[in-house]
Amino acid sequence: MVFQYKNKDYEVEIIKKDNKNTYVRVKDEKIYVTTNYFISEKKISHLLEENKKAIGKMIQRAETRKEKRELFLLFGKYYDIVYGDFEHQITVEEGHIWVVDEKVLYKWLDSFIHTTFYNHLMYWYDEFEEKIPHPNLKIRKMKTRWGVCNTKNHNVTLNFELFRYDIECLDYVIVHELSHFLVPNHSKNFWKQVEKYCPNYKEIRKKLRD
């Protein structure tokens, strides 16, 4: 089936589902009609003609929001971000992020980064054999530090920019800060404590310096 708008033909793909209603969307210069199993092509064609003005606006909107792509580094993995007029606001799958706009993307990223930081902090807290206080997570951008441990109020502050590095870098900073609950300075004993849970900490520190 073909739908014509301003002397241009648009292919119509019909998707049959157990739906009560019929939905129309435009993507990649193609019109998708999702409807139930009992709607005929003739009725769909009539429906499209009846709503030609509304569909025309959908086509114009889709054309002004052509897909654009960019690569994004998140915890050591590159994601191919594709902006476009998609059915779902954001879909994340196998190294790809399909998203309608940057506002939705950054809202999702903020939530994902905070969840990842928190989950890894709790993981390492449970891993410590020594008795340490339950840490309170704080996240903020810092210019000179990757993390800060406040032994008085039990806050562990992590630099937001850690999301740009491999996940092992995040783990090292967490181990580093939790170790300060046991050794408040950077003595030999402190680094032995860090090495217990992060044997390759020297290599990771070099990555964070670069």
C-alpha atoms as a PDB file:
ATOM      1  CA  MET A   1       0.000   0.000   0.000  1.00  0.00           C
ATOM      2  CA  VAL A   2       1.175   3.527  -0.816  1.00  0.00           C
ATOM      3  CA  PHE A   3       0.166   6.855   0.712  1.00  0.00           C
ATOM      4  CA  GLN A   4       0.708   9.977  -1.395  1.00  0.00           C
ATOM      5  CA  TYR A   5       1.522  13.339   0.148  1.00  0.00           C
ATOM      6  CA  LYS A   6       2.717  16.380  -1.841  1.00  0.00           C
ATOM      7  CA  ASN A   7       3.385  14.293  -4.941  1.00  0.00           C
ATOM      8  CA  LYS A   8       5.567  11.867  -3.031  1.00  0.00           C
ATOM      9  CA  ASP A   9       4.753   8.229  -2.377  1.00  0.00           C
ATOM     10  CA  TYR A  10       5.193   6.815   1.124  1.00  0.00           C
ATOM     11  CA  GLU A  11       5.153   3.075   1.665  1.00  0.00           C
ATOM     12  CA  VAL A  12       2.582   1.927   4.227  1.00  0.00           C
ATOM     13  CA  GLU A  13       3.422  -1.032   6.458  1.00  0.00           C
ATOM     14  CA  ILE A  14       0.478  -2.626   8.219  1.00  0.00           C
ATOM     15  CA  ILE A  15       1.124  -4.306  11.567  1.00  0.00           C
ATOM     16  CA  LYS A  16      -1.700  -6.542  12.774  1.00  0.00           C
ATOM     17  CA  LYS A  17      -2.058  -7.036  16.530  1.00  0.00           C
ATOM     18  CA  ASP A  18      -4.782  -7.786  19.042  1.00  0.00           C
ATOM     19  CA  ASN A  19      -5.563  -4.065  19.291  1.00  0.00           C
ATOM     20  CA  LYS A  20      -8.872  -2.317  19.812  1.00  0.00           C
ATOM     21  CA  ASN A  21      -7.634   0.908  18.227  1.00  0.00           C
ATOM     22  CA  THR A  22      -5.617   1.821  15.153  1.00  0.00           C
ATOM     23  CA  TYR A  23      -2.380   3.812  15.458  1.00  0.00           C
ATOM     24  CA  VAL A  24      -0.396   5.616  12.759  1.00  0.00           C
ATOM     25  CA  ARG A  25       3.229   6.724  12.995  1.00  0.00           C
ATOM     26  CA  VAL A  26       5.885   7.947  10.567  1.00  0.00           C
ATOM     27  CA  LYS A  27       9.507   6.808  10.613  1.00  0.00           C
ATOM     28  CA  ASP A  28      12.264   6.621   7.992  1.00  0.00           C
ATOM     29  CA  GLU A  29       9.964   8.044   5.273  1.00  0.00           C
ATOM     30  CA  LYS A  30       7.583   5.177   5.893  1.00  0.00           C
ATOM     31  CA  ILE A  31       4.096   5.065   7.425  1.00  0.00           C
ATOM     32  CA  TYR A  32       3.360   2.369   9.985  1.00  0.00           C
ATOM     33  CA  VAL A  33      -0.239   1.439  10.759  1.00  0.00           C
ATOM     34  CA  THR A  34      -0.823  -0.754  13.804  1.00  0.00           C
ATOM     35  CA  THR A  35      -4.331  -2.159  13.913  1.00  0.00           C
ATOM     36  CA  ASN A  36      -6.344  -5.267  14.760  1.00  0.00           C
ATOM     37  CA  TYR A  37      -6.668  -8.414  12.667  1.00  0.00           C
ATOM     38  CA  PHE A  38     -10.143  -7.598  11.324  1.00  0.00           C
ATOM     39  CA  ILE A  39      -9.446  -4.223   9.675  1.00  0.00           C
ATOM     40  CA  SER A  40      -9.189  -4.517   5.894  1.00  0.00           C
ATOM     41  CA  GLU A  41      -6.681  -2.699   3.687  1.00  0.00           C
ATOM     42  CA  LYS A  42      -9.565  -0.829   2.085  1.00  0.00           C
ATOM     43  CA  LYS A  43     -10.654   0.508   5.470  1.00  0.00           C
ATOM     44  CA  ILE A  44      -7.044   1.442   6.340  1.00  0.00           C
ATOM     45  CA  SER A  45      -6.701   3.288   3.028  1.00  0.00           C
ATOM     46  CA  HIS A  46      -9.915   5.190   3.772  1.00  0.00           C
ATOM     47  CA  LEU A  47      -8.652   5.978   7.292  1.00  0.00           C
ATOM     48  CA  LEU A  48      -5.397   7.409   5.933  1.00  0.00           C
ATOM     49  CA  GLU A  49      -7.246   9.616   3.442  1.00  0.00           C
ATOM     50  CA  GLU A  50      -9.573  10.882   6.161  1.00  0.00           C
ATOM     51  CA  ASN A  51      -6.584  11.838   8.295  1.00  0.00           C
ATOM     52  CA  LYS A  52      -4.359  13.077   5.474  1.00  0.00           C
ATOM     53  CA  LYS A  53      -3.809  16.499   7.062  1.00  0.00           C
ATOM     54  CA  ALA A  54      -2.719  15.016  10.418  1.00  0.00           C
ATOM     55  CA  ILE A  55      -0.460  12.465   8.721  1.00  0.00           C
ATOM     56  CA  GLY A  56       1.048  15.263   6.633  1.00  0.00           C
ATOM     57  CA  LYS A  57       2.042  17.044   9.843  1.00  0.00           C
ATOM     58  CA  MET A  58       3.602  13.814  11.115  1.00  0.00           C
ATOM     59  CA  ILE A  59       5.626  13.527   7.889  1.00  0.00           C
ATOM     60  CA  GLN A  60       6.820  17.131   8.166  1.00  0.00           C
ATOM     61  CA  ARG A  61       7.796  16.635  11.804  1.00  0.00           C
ATOM     62  CA  ALA A  62       9.709  13.468  10.956  1.00  0.00           C
ATOM     63  CA  GLU A  63      11.561  15.217   8.137  1.00  0.00           C
ATOM     64  CA  THR A  64      12.656  18.044  10.417  1.00  0.00           C
ATOM     65  CA  ARG A  65      13.902  15.485  12.930  1.00  0.00           C
ATOM     66  CA  LYS A  66      16.049  13.381  10.669  1.00  0.00           C
ATOM     67  CA  GLU A  67      18.048  10.822  12.550  1.00  0.00           C
ATOM     68  CA  LYS A  68      21.481  11.938  13.654  1.00  0.00           C
ATOM     69  CA  ARG A  69      24.104   9.726  15.225  1.00  0.00           C
ATOM     70  CA  GLU A  70      26.921  10.148  17.693  1.00  0.00           C
ATOM     71  CA  LEU A  71      29.174   7.880  19.730  1.00  0.00           C
ATOM     72  CA  PHE A  72      29.003   8.090  23.505  1.00  0.00           C
ATOM     73  CA  LEU A  73      31.442   6.534  25.974  1.00  0.00           C
ATOM     74  CA  LEU A  74      29.783   5.103  29.064  1.00  0.00           C
ATOM     75  CA  PHE A  75      31.805   3.086  31.603  1.00  0.00           C
ATOM     76  CA  GLY A  76      34.333   1.994  28.999  1.00  0.00           C
ATOM     77  CA  LYS A  77      31.778   1.006  26.349  1.00  0.00           C
ATOM     78  CA  TYR A  78      30.912   3.000  23.256  1.00  0.00           C
ATOM     79  CA  TYR A  79      27.222   3.428  22.494  1.00  0.00           C
ATOM     80  CA  ASP A  80      25.937   4.436  19.094  1.00  0.00           C
ATOM     81  CA  ILE A  81      23.326   7.067  19.922  1.00  0.00           C
ATOM     82  CA  VAL A  82      20.627   7.529  17.291  1.00  0.00           C
ATOM     83  CA  TYR A  83      18.212  10.449  17.561  1.00  0.00           C
ATOM     84  CA  GLY A  84      14.924  10.127  15.697  1.00  0.00           C
ATOM     85  CA  ASP A  85      11.156  10.042  15.785  1.00  0.00           C
ATOM     86  CA  PHE A  86      10.849   6.653  17.504  1.00  0.00           C
ATOM     87  CA  GLU A  87       7.859   4.891  18.999  1.00  0.00           C
ATOM     88  CA  HIS A  88       9.496   4.645  22.433  1.00  0.00           C
ATOM     89  CA  GLN A  89      11.266   7.629  23.998  1.00  0.00           C
ATOM     90  CA  ILE A  90      14.433   5.614  24.607  1.00  0.00           C
ATOM     91  CA  THR A  91      15.579   2.078  23.859  1.00  0.00           C
ATOM     92  CA  VAL A  92      18.967   0.717  24.968  1.00  0.00           C
ATOM     93  CA  GLU A  93      20.187  -2.487  23.369  1.00  0.00           C
ATOM     94  CA  GLU A  94      23.543  -4.067  22.448  1.00  0.00           C
ATOM     95  CA  GLY A  95      25.657  -0.943  22.176  1.00  0.00           C
ATOM     96  CA  HIS A  96      22.898   1.222  20.705  1.00  0.00           C
ATOM     97  CA  ILE A  97      20.705   3.908  22.212  1.00  0.00           C
ATOM     98  CA  TRP A  98      17.675   4.978  20.177  1.00  0.00           C
ATOM     99  CA  VAL A  99      16.241   8.156  21.663  1.00  0.00           C
ATOM    100  CA  VAL A 100      13.873  10.949  20.640  1.00  0.00           C
ATOM    101  CA  ASP A 101      15.984  13.875  21.890  1.00  0.00           C
ATOM    102  CA  GLU A 102      18.867  14.943  24.134  1.00  0.00           C
ATOM    103  CA  LYS A 103      16.600  15.838  27.066  1.00  0.00           C
ATOM    104  CA  VAL A 104      15.354  12.254  27.324  1.00  0.00           C
ATOM    105  CA  LEU A 105      18.884  10.913  26.805  1.00  0.00           C
ATOM    106  CA  TYR A 106      20.449  12.949  29.615  1.00  0.00           C
ATOM    107  CA  LYS A 107      17.611  12.167  32.005  1.00  0.00           C
ATOM    108  CA  TRP A 108      18.199   8.460  31.391  1.00  0.00           C
ATOM    109  CA  LEU A 109      21.994   8.836  31.647  1.00  0.00           C
ATOM    110  CA  ASP A 110      21.726  10.655  34.971  1.00  0.00           C
ATOM    111  CA  SER A 111      19.561   7.884  36.409  1.00  0.00           C
ATOM    112  CA  PHE A 112      21.756   5.110  34.984  1.00  0.00           C
ATOM    113  CA  ILE A 113      24.984   6.667  36.285  1.00  0.00           C
ATOM    114  CA  HIS A 114      23.571   7.221  39.782  1.00  0.00           C
ATOM    115  CA  THR A 115      22.242   3.659  39.927  1.00  0.00           C
ATOM    116  CA  THR A 116      25.571   2.225  38.757  1.00  0.00           C
ATOM    117  CA  PHE A 117      27.557   4.255  41.296  1.00  0.00           C
ATOM    118  CA  TYR A 118      25.249   3.211  44.111  1.00  0.00           C
ATOM    119  CA  ASN A 119      25.191  -0.487  43.186  1.00  0.00           C
ATOM    120  CA  HIS A 120      28.981  -0.671  42.991  1.00  0.00           C
ATOM    121  CA  LEU A 121      29.396   1.202  46.268  1.00  0.00           C
ATOM    122  CA  MET A 122      27.068  -1.259  48.003  1.00  0.00           C
ATOM    123  CA  TYR A 123      28.837  -4.205  46.369  1.00  0.00           C
ATOM    124  CA  TRP A 124      32.225  -3.177  47.721  1.00  0.00           C
ATOM    125  CA  TYR A 125      30.789  -2.282  51.105  1.00  0.00           C
ATOM    126  CA  ASP A 126      29.559  -5.883  51.364  1.00  0.00           C
ATOM    127  CA  GLU A 127      32.891  -7.225  50.103  1.00  0.00           C
ATOM    128  CA  PHE A 128      34.933  -5.565  52.861  1.00  0.00           C
ATOM    129  CA  GLU A 129      35.758  -8.127  55.530  1.00  0.00           C
ATOM    130  CA  GLU A 130      36.680  -5.360  57.941  1.00  0.00           C
ATOM    131  CA  LYS A 131      33.995  -3.547  59.857  1.00  0.00           C
ATOM    132  CA  ILE A 132      33.335  -0.172  58.248  1.00  0.00           C
ATOM    133  CA  PRO A 133      30.369   2.216  58.556  1.00  0.00           C
ATOM    134  CA  HIS A 134      27.581   2.054  56.018  1.00  0.00           C
ATOM    135  CA  PRO A 135      28.515   4.709  53.421  1.00  0.00           C
ATOM    136  CA  ASN A 136      26.219   7.471  52.195  1.00  0.00           C
ATOM    137  CA  LEU A 137      26.672   8.131  48.485  1.00  0.00           C
ATOM    138  CA  LYS A 138      27.215  11.656  47.176  1.00  0.00           C
ATOM    139  CA  ILE A 139      27.928  12.417  43.518  1.00  0.00           C
ATOM    140  CA  ARG A 140      29.240  15.672  42.134  1.00  0.00           C
ATOM    141  CA  LYS A 141      31.727  17.038  39.633  1.00  0.00           C
ATOM    142  CA  MET A 142      35.157  17.689  41.120  1.00  0.00           C
ATOM    143  CA  LYS A 143      38.176  19.206  39.391  1.00  0.00           C
ATOM    144  CA  THR A 144      41.013  17.721  41.451  1.00  0.00           C
ATOM    145  CA  ARG A 145      39.663  14.543  43.080  1.00  0.00           C
ATOM    146  CA  TRP A 146      38.025  11.331  41.943  1.00  0.00           C
ATOM    147  CA  GLY A 147      36.557  10.673  45.353  1.00  0.00           C
ATOM    148  CA  VAL A 148      36.316  11.933  48.928  1.00  0.00           C
ATOM    149  CA  CYS A 149      35.657  10.039  52.147  1.00  0.00           C
ATOM    150  CA  ASN A 150      34.241  11.863  55.146  1.00  0.00           C
ATOM    151  CA  THR A 151      34.856   9.616  58.146  1.00  0.00           C
ATOM    152  CA  LYS A 152      32.680  11.761  60.428  1.00  0.00           C
ATOM    153  CA  ASN A 153      29.375  11.672  58.559  1.00  0.00           C
ATOM    154  CA  HIS A 154      30.223   8.503  56.572  1.00  0.00           C
ATOM    155  CA  ASN A 155      29.762  10.213  53.208  1.00  0.00           C
ATOM    156  CA  VAL A 156      31.573   8.835  50.174  1.00  0.00           C
ATOM    157  CA  THR A 157      31.581  11.408  47.385  1.00  0.00           C
ATOM    158  CA  LEU A 158      32.349  10.187  43.864  1.00  0.00           C
ATOM    159  CA  ASN A 159      33.283  12.338  40.909  1.00  0.00           C
ATOM    160  CA  PHE A 160      30.467  12.301  38.348  1.00  0.00           C
ATOM    161  CA  GLU A 161      33.029  12.207  35.515  1.00  0.00           C
ATOM    162  CA  LEU A 162      33.973   8.628  36.445  1.00  0.00           C
ATOM    163  CA  PHE A 163      31.244   7.479  34.069  1.00  0.00           C
ATOM    164  CA  ARG A 164      33.666   8.241  31.223  1.00  0.00           C
ATOM    165  CA  TYR A 165      36.126   5.565  32.403  1.00  0.00           C
ATOM    166  CA  ASP A 166      36.175   1.775  32.544  1.00  0.00           C
ATOM    167  CA  ILE A 167      34.079   0.326  35.338  1.00  0.00           C
ATOM    168  CA  GLU A 168      37.273  -0.893  37.052  1.00  0.00           C
ATOM    169  CA  CYS A 169      38.222   2.756  37.563  1.00  0.00           C
ATOM    170  CA  LEU A 170      34.973   3.372  39.412  1.00  0.00           C
ATOM    171  CA  ASP A 171      35.599   0.255  41.517  1.00  0.00           C
ATOM    172  CA  TYR A 172      39.129   1.387  42.375  1.00  0.00           C
ATOM    173  CA  VAL A 173      37.951   4.827  43.542  1.00  0.00           C
ATOM    174  CA  ILE A 174      35.256   3.212  45.679  1.00  0.00           C
ATOM    175  CA  VAL A 175      37.747   0.788  47.263  1.00  0.00           C
ATOM    176  CA  HIS A 176      40.132   3.706  47.800  1.00  0.00           C
ATOM    177  CA  GLU A 177      37.521   5.779  49.628  1.00  0.00           C
ATOM    178  CA  LEU A 178      36.140   2.889  51.694  1.00  0.00           C
ATOM    179  CA  SER A 179      39.697   2.061  52.758  1.00  0.00           C
ATOM    180  CA  HIS A 180      39.923   5.522  54.306  1.00  0.00           C
ATOM    181  CA  PHE A 181      37.384   4.402  56.903  1.00  0.00           C
ATOM    182  CA  LEU A 182      40.146   2.076  58.147  1.00  0.00           C
ATOM    183  CA  VAL A 183      43.253   4.144  57.397  1.00  0.00           C
ATOM    184  CA  PRO A 184      42.617   7.923  57.162  1.00  0.00           C
ATOM    185  CA  ASN A 185      45.947   8.737  55.488  1.00  0.00           C
ATOM    186  CA  HIS A 186      47.961   7.537  52.482  1.00  0.00           C
ATOM    187  CA  SER A 187      50.552   5.541  54.387  1.00  0.00           C
ATOM    188  CA  LYS A 188      51.945   2.142  53.366  1.00  0.00           C
ATOM    189  CA  ASN A 189      49.233   0.504  55.450  1.00  0.00           C
ATOM    190  CA  PHE A 190      46.615   2.359  53.470  1.00  0.00           C
ATOM    191  CA  TRP A 191      47.919   1.162  50.110  1.00  0.00           C
ATOM    192  CA  LYS A 192      48.143  -2.393  51.446  1.00  0.00           C
ATOM    193  CA  GLN A 193      44.478  -2.090  52.366  1.00  0.00           C
ATOM    194  CA  VAL A 194      43.607  -0.865  48.864  1.00  0.00           C
ATOM    195  CA  GLU A 195      45.699  -3.603  47.263  1.00  0.00           C
ATOM    196  CA  LYS A 196      43.806  -6.272  49.200  1.00  0.00           C
ATOM    197  CA  TYR A 197      40.650  -5.529  47.210  1.00  0.00           C
ATOM    198  CA  CYS A 198      42.183  -3.943  44.128  1.00  0.00           C
ATOM    199  CA  PRO A 199      45.504  -5.672  43.310  1.00  0.00           C
ATOM    200  CA  ASN A 200      46.046  -3.713  40.078  1.00  0.00           C
ATOM    201  CA  TYR A 201      45.368  -0.316  41.620  1.00  0.00           C
ATOM    202  CA  LYS A 202      48.660   1.130  40.302  1.00  0.00           C
ATOM    203  CA  GLU A 203      47.674   0.489  36.689  1.00  0.00           C
ATOM    204  CA  ILE A 204      44.220   1.961  37.251  1.00  0.00           C
ATOM    205  CA  ARG A 205      45.699   5.087  38.852  1.00  0.00           C
ATOM    206  CA  LYS A 206      47.759   5.607  35.695  1.00  0.00           C
ATOM    207  CA  LYS A 207      44.572   5.438  33.596  1.00  0.00           C
ATOM    208  CA  LEU A 208      42.937   8.090  35.754  1.00  0.00           C
ATOM    209  CA  ARG A 209      45.969  10.364  35.439  1.00  0.00           C
ATOM    210  CA  ASP A 210      45.994  10.225  31.617  1.00  0.00           C
END
